[in-house]
């Protein structure tokens, strides 16, 4: 949540994301019969449509964190020293 605030997302949007992360429920469908609801208290569920967007935000932060040590020569590309570290 701190990353979202730091990236400039409005408080209301951050509250929506927090609510989605805290209030999710899942159920198992077996032979057309829906089972009991299982609360998912933390994290996103597999296949959640929000997941790729949050991944991009976190990957951007990771790339920025890796740029500084790379510029200071504390961190090197594993194959070629003259290349910056990449985030794949």
N, C-alpha and C. Protein backbone atom coordinates (compact mmCIF):
# COMPACT_ATOMS: atom_id res chain seq x y z
N UNK A 1 0.82 -1.19 0.00
CA UNK A 1 0.00 0.00 0.00
C UNK A 1 0.87 1.25 0.00
N UNK A 2 2.02 1.17 0.66
CA UNK A 2 2.93 2.32 0.66
C UNK A 2 3.43 2.61 -0.75
N UNK A 3 3.65 1.58 -1.54
CA UNK A 3 4.10 1.78 -2.92
C UNK A 3 3.03 2.52 -3.71
N UNK A 4 1.78 2.12 -3.55
CA UNK A 4 0.70 2.79 -4.28
C UNK A 4 0.61 4.26 -3.89
N UNK A 5 0.71 4.56 -2.61
CA UNK A 5 0.68 5.96 -2.16
C UNK A 5 1.88 6.73 -2.71
N UNK A 6 3.05 6.11 -2.65
CA UNK A 6 4.26 6.77 -3.14
C UNK A 6 4.21 7.02 -4.65
N UNK A 7 3.55 6.13 -5.38
CA UNK A 7 3.43 6.30 -6.83
C UNK A 7 2.38 7.36 -7.20
N UNK A 8 1.67 7.89 -6.22
CA UNK A 8 0.74 8.99 -6.47
C UNK A 8 -0.71 8.58 -6.69
N UNK A 9 -1.05 7.34 -6.36
CA UNK A 9 -2.45 6.94 -6.50
C UNK A 9 -3.29 7.62 -5.43
N UNK A 10 -4.52 8.04 -5.77
CA UNK A 10 -5.37 8.73 -4.80
C UNK A 10 -5.73 7.81 -3.63
N UNK A 11 -6.03 8.41 -2.49
CA UNK A 11 -6.38 7.65 -1.29
C UNK A 11 -7.58 6.74 -1.52
N UNK A 12 -8.58 7.25 -2.23
CA UNK A 12 -9.79 6.44 -2.46
C UNK A 12 -9.45 5.18 -3.26
N UNK A 13 -8.59 5.30 -4.27
CA UNK A 13 -8.19 4.15 -5.08
C UNK A 13 -7.43 3.15 -4.22
N UNK A 14 -6.53 3.64 -3.39
CA UNK A 14 -5.77 2.76 -2.49
C UNK A 14 -6.70 2.05 -1.51
N UNK A 15 -7.72 2.75 -1.04
CA UNK A 15 -8.70 2.13 -0.15
C UNK A 15 -9.46 1.02 -0.86
N UNK A 16 -9.81 1.23 -2.14
CA UNK A 16 -10.49 0.19 -2.91
C UNK A 16 -9.62 -1.06 -3.05
N UNK A 17 -8.34 -0.85 -3.36
CA UNK A 17 -7.42 -1.97 -3.51
C UNK A 17 -7.29 -2.71 -2.19
N UNK A 18 -7.13 -1.98 -1.09
CA UNK A 18 -7.02 -2.59 0.23
C UNK A 18 -8.27 -3.41 0.55
N UNK A 19 -9.42 -2.87 0.22
CA UNK A 19 -10.67 -3.59 0.46
C UNK A 19 -10.73 -4.87 -0.36
N UNK A 20 -10.31 -4.81 -1.62
CA UNK A 20 -10.29 -6.02 -2.46
C UNK A 20 -9.35 -7.08 -1.89
N UNK A 21 -8.22 -6.64 -1.36
CA UNK A 21 -7.25 -7.58 -0.82
C UNK A 21 -7.72 -8.21 0.49
N UNK A 22 -8.56 -7.53 1.23
CA UNK A 22 -8.98 -8.01 2.54
C UNK A 22 -10.32 -8.74 2.57
N UNK A 23 -11.13 -8.60 1.54
CA UNK A 23 -12.50 -9.10 1.62
C UNK A 23 -12.84 -10.15 0.58
N UNK A 24 -11.86 -10.71 -0.10
CA UNK A 24 -12.16 -11.67 -1.15
C UNK A 24 -12.67 -13.00 -0.61
N UNK A 25 -13.50 -13.66 -1.41
CA UNK A 25 -14.02 -14.98 -1.08
C UNK A 25 -13.91 -15.87 -2.31
N UNK A 26 -13.70 -17.13 -2.07
CA UNK A 26 -13.64 -18.12 -3.15
C UNK A 26 -14.53 -19.30 -2.79
N UNK A 27 -14.97 -20.01 -3.81
CA UNK A 27 -15.76 -21.22 -3.60
C UNK A 27 -15.37 -22.22 -4.69
N UNK A 28 -15.56 -23.48 -4.39
CA UNK A 28 -15.24 -24.53 -5.34
C UNK A 28 -16.53 -25.01 -5.98
N UNK A 29 -16.51 -25.10 -7.30
CA UNK A 29 -17.66 -25.61 -8.06
C UNK A 29 -17.33 -27.04 -8.46
N UNK A 30 -18.09 -28.01 -7.95
CA UNK A 30 -17.84 -29.42 -8.21
C UNK A 30 -19.11 -30.05 -8.75
N UNK A 31 -19.04 -30.52 -10.00
CA UNK A 31 -20.19 -31.13 -10.66
C UNK A 31 -21.41 -30.21 -10.66
N UNK A 32 -21.16 -28.93 -10.87
CA UNK A 32 -22.24 -27.95 -10.94
C UNK A 32 -22.78 -27.50 -9.60
N UNK A 33 -22.22 -28.01 -8.49
CA UNK A 33 -22.68 -27.63 -7.15
C UNK A 33 -21.63 -26.73 -6.52
N UNK A 34 -22.09 -25.56 -6.11
CA UNK A 34 -21.19 -24.59 -5.48
C UNK A 34 -20.98 -24.96 -4.03
N UNK A 35 -19.72 -25.06 -3.62
CA UNK A 35 -19.39 -25.38 -2.23
C UNK A 35 -19.47 -24.15 -1.35
N UNK A 36 -19.06 -24.32 -0.10
CA UNK A 36 -19.14 -23.20 0.85
C UNK A 36 -18.08 -22.14 0.48
N UNK A 37 -18.36 -20.91 0.89
CA UNK A 37 -17.45 -19.81 0.63
C UNK A 37 -16.25 -19.90 1.57
N UNK A 38 -15.07 -19.64 1.03
CA UNK A 38 -13.83 -19.67 1.78
C UNK A 38 -13.27 -18.25 1.78
N UNK A 39 -13.12 -17.63 2.96
CA UNK A 39 -12.57 -16.26 2.97
C UNK A 39 -11.08 -16.26 2.62
N UNK A 40 -10.69 -15.35 1.76
CA UNK A 40 -9.29 -15.15 1.39
C UNK A 40 -8.85 -13.85 2.04
N UNK A 41 -8.17 -13.95 3.14
CA UNK A 41 -7.90 -12.76 3.94
C UNK A 41 -6.77 -11.89 3.41
N UNK A 42 -5.82 -12.47 2.71
CA UNK A 42 -4.71 -11.66 2.19
C UNK A 42 -4.39 -12.08 0.77
N UNK A 43 -3.90 -11.14 0.00
CA UNK A 43 -3.44 -11.43 -1.35
C UNK A 43 -4.55 -11.49 -2.38
N UNK A 44 -4.13 -11.72 -3.61
CA UNK A 44 -5.06 -11.82 -4.72
C UNK A 44 -5.28 -13.28 -5.08
N UNK A 45 -6.43 -13.56 -5.59
CA UNK A 45 -6.74 -14.90 -6.03
C UNK A 45 -6.16 -15.14 -7.41
N UNK A 46 -5.85 -16.39 -7.72
CA UNK A 46 -5.30 -16.75 -9.02
C UNK A 46 -6.30 -16.34 -10.10
N UNK A 47 -5.80 -15.71 -11.14
CA UNK A 47 -6.65 -15.28 -12.24
C UNK A 47 -7.33 -13.94 -12.03
N UNK A 48 -7.04 -13.26 -10.93
CA UNK A 48 -7.64 -11.96 -10.66
C UNK A 48 -7.21 -10.98 -11.75
N UNK A 49 -8.15 -10.24 -12.30
CA UNK A 49 -7.84 -9.32 -13.40
C UNK A 49 -7.00 -8.12 -12.96
N UNK A 50 -6.91 -7.87 -11.68
CA UNK A 50 -6.11 -6.77 -11.16
C UNK A 50 -4.63 -7.13 -11.06
N UNK A 51 -4.32 -8.41 -10.99
CA UNK A 51 -2.97 -8.88 -10.75
C UNK A 51 -1.93 -8.36 -11.76
N UNK A 52 -2.17 -8.39 -13.08
CA UNK A 52 -1.13 -7.89 -14.00
C UNK A 52 -0.79 -6.42 -13.78
N UNK A 53 -1.76 -5.61 -13.41
CA UNK A 53 -1.50 -4.18 -13.20
C UNK A 53 -0.67 -3.94 -11.94
N UNK A 54 -0.99 -4.66 -10.87
CA UNK A 54 -0.20 -4.52 -9.65
C UNK A 54 1.21 -5.06 -9.86
N UNK A 55 1.35 -6.12 -10.66
CA UNK A 55 2.66 -6.66 -10.97
C UNK A 55 3.52 -5.62 -11.69
N UNK A 56 2.94 -4.90 -12.64
CA UNK A 56 3.67 -3.88 -13.39
C UNK A 56 4.15 -2.76 -12.46
N UNK A 57 3.30 -2.37 -11.51
CA UNK A 57 3.68 -1.32 -10.55
C UNK A 57 4.86 -1.79 -9.71
N UNK A 58 4.80 -3.00 -9.21
CA UNK A 58 5.88 -3.53 -8.37
C UNK A 58 7.15 -3.73 -9.18
N UNK A 59 7.05 -4.22 -10.42
CA UNK A 59 8.22 -4.41 -11.28
C UNK A 59 8.90 -3.07 -11.56
N UNK A 60 8.12 -2.01 -11.73
CA UNK A 60 8.68 -0.68 -11.95
C UNK A 60 9.49 -0.23 -10.73
N UNK A 61 8.94 -0.45 -9.55
CA UNK A 61 9.66 -0.07 -8.32
C UNK A 61 10.95 -0.89 -8.20
N UNK A 62 10.89 -2.18 -8.49
CA UNK A 62 12.08 -3.02 -8.43
C UNK A 62 13.14 -2.54 -9.42
N UNK A 63 12.74 -2.18 -10.62
CA UNK A 63 13.69 -1.68 -11.61
C UNK A 63 14.37 -0.40 -11.12
N UNK A 64 13.60 0.48 -10.50
CA UNK A 64 14.18 1.72 -9.97
C UNK A 64 15.15 1.45 -8.83
N UNK A 65 14.82 0.47 -7.99
CA UNK A 65 15.72 0.12 -6.88
C UNK A 65 17.02 -0.49 -7.38
N UNK A 66 16.98 -1.19 -8.51
CA UNK A 66 18.18 -1.80 -9.06
C UNK A 66 19.04 -0.81 -9.84
N UNK A 67 18.47 0.29 -10.28
CA UNK A 67 19.22 1.26 -11.07
C UNK A 67 20.31 1.94 -10.24
N UNK A 68 20.03 2.30 -9.02
CA UNK A 68 21.00 3.02 -8.20
C UNK A 68 22.25 2.18 -7.91
N UNK A 69 22.14 0.95 -7.39
CA UNK A 69 23.36 0.16 -7.16
C UNK A 69 24.11 -0.13 -8.46
N UNK A 70 23.38 -0.23 -9.56
CA UNK A 70 24.02 -0.48 -10.85
C UNK A 70 24.86 0.73 -11.27
N UNK A 71 24.34 1.93 -11.02
CA UNK A 71 25.08 3.15 -11.36
C UNK A 71 26.31 3.34 -10.46
N UNK A 72 26.22 2.86 -9.23
CA UNK A 72 27.33 3.00 -8.29
C UNK A 72 28.33 1.85 -8.42
N UNK A 73 28.12 0.96 -9.36
CA UNK A 73 28.99 -0.18 -9.63
C UNK A 73 29.00 -1.21 -8.50
N UNK A 74 27.94 -1.24 -7.71
CA UNK A 74 27.82 -2.26 -6.67
C UNK A 74 27.09 -3.50 -7.19
N UNK A 75 26.43 -3.36 -8.30
CA UNK A 75 25.62 -4.44 -8.85
C UNK A 75 25.94 -4.55 -10.33
N UNK A 76 26.21 -5.76 -10.80
CA UNK A 76 26.60 -5.97 -12.19
C UNK A 76 25.66 -6.93 -12.88
N UNK A 77 25.55 -6.76 -14.18
CA UNK A 77 24.82 -7.70 -15.02
C UNK A 77 25.53 -9.05 -14.92
N UNK A 78 24.80 -10.16 -14.81
CA UNK A 78 25.48 -11.44 -14.63
C UNK A 78 26.30 -11.90 -15.82
N UNK A 79 26.03 -11.40 -17.03
CA UNK A 79 26.74 -11.85 -18.22
C UNK A 79 27.72 -10.83 -18.78
N UNK A 80 27.42 -9.54 -18.63
CA UNK A 80 28.29 -8.51 -19.20
C UNK A 80 28.31 -7.31 -18.25
N UNK A 81 29.48 -6.95 -17.77
CA UNK A 81 29.63 -5.86 -16.81
C UNK A 81 29.20 -4.50 -17.35
N UNK A 82 29.26 -4.30 -18.66
CA UNK A 82 28.93 -2.99 -19.21
C UNK A 82 27.41 -2.80 -19.38
N UNK A 83 26.60 -3.83 -19.17
CA UNK A 83 25.16 -3.72 -19.30
C UNK A 83 24.52 -3.47 -17.93
N UNK A 84 23.44 -2.69 -17.91
CA UNK A 84 22.72 -2.49 -16.64
C UNK A 84 21.96 -3.77 -16.26
N UNK A 85 21.67 -3.92 -14.98
CA UNK A 85 20.88 -5.06 -14.54
C UNK A 85 19.46 -4.92 -15.07
N UNK A 86 18.95 -5.98 -15.59
CA UNK A 86 17.60 -5.96 -16.17
C UNK A 86 16.60 -6.61 -15.23
N UNK A 87 15.38 -6.15 -15.27
CA UNK A 87 14.28 -6.76 -14.54
C UNK A 87 13.38 -7.40 -15.58
N UNK A 88 13.30 -8.69 -15.53
CA UNK A 88 12.49 -9.43 -16.51
C UNK A 88 11.22 -9.90 -15.89
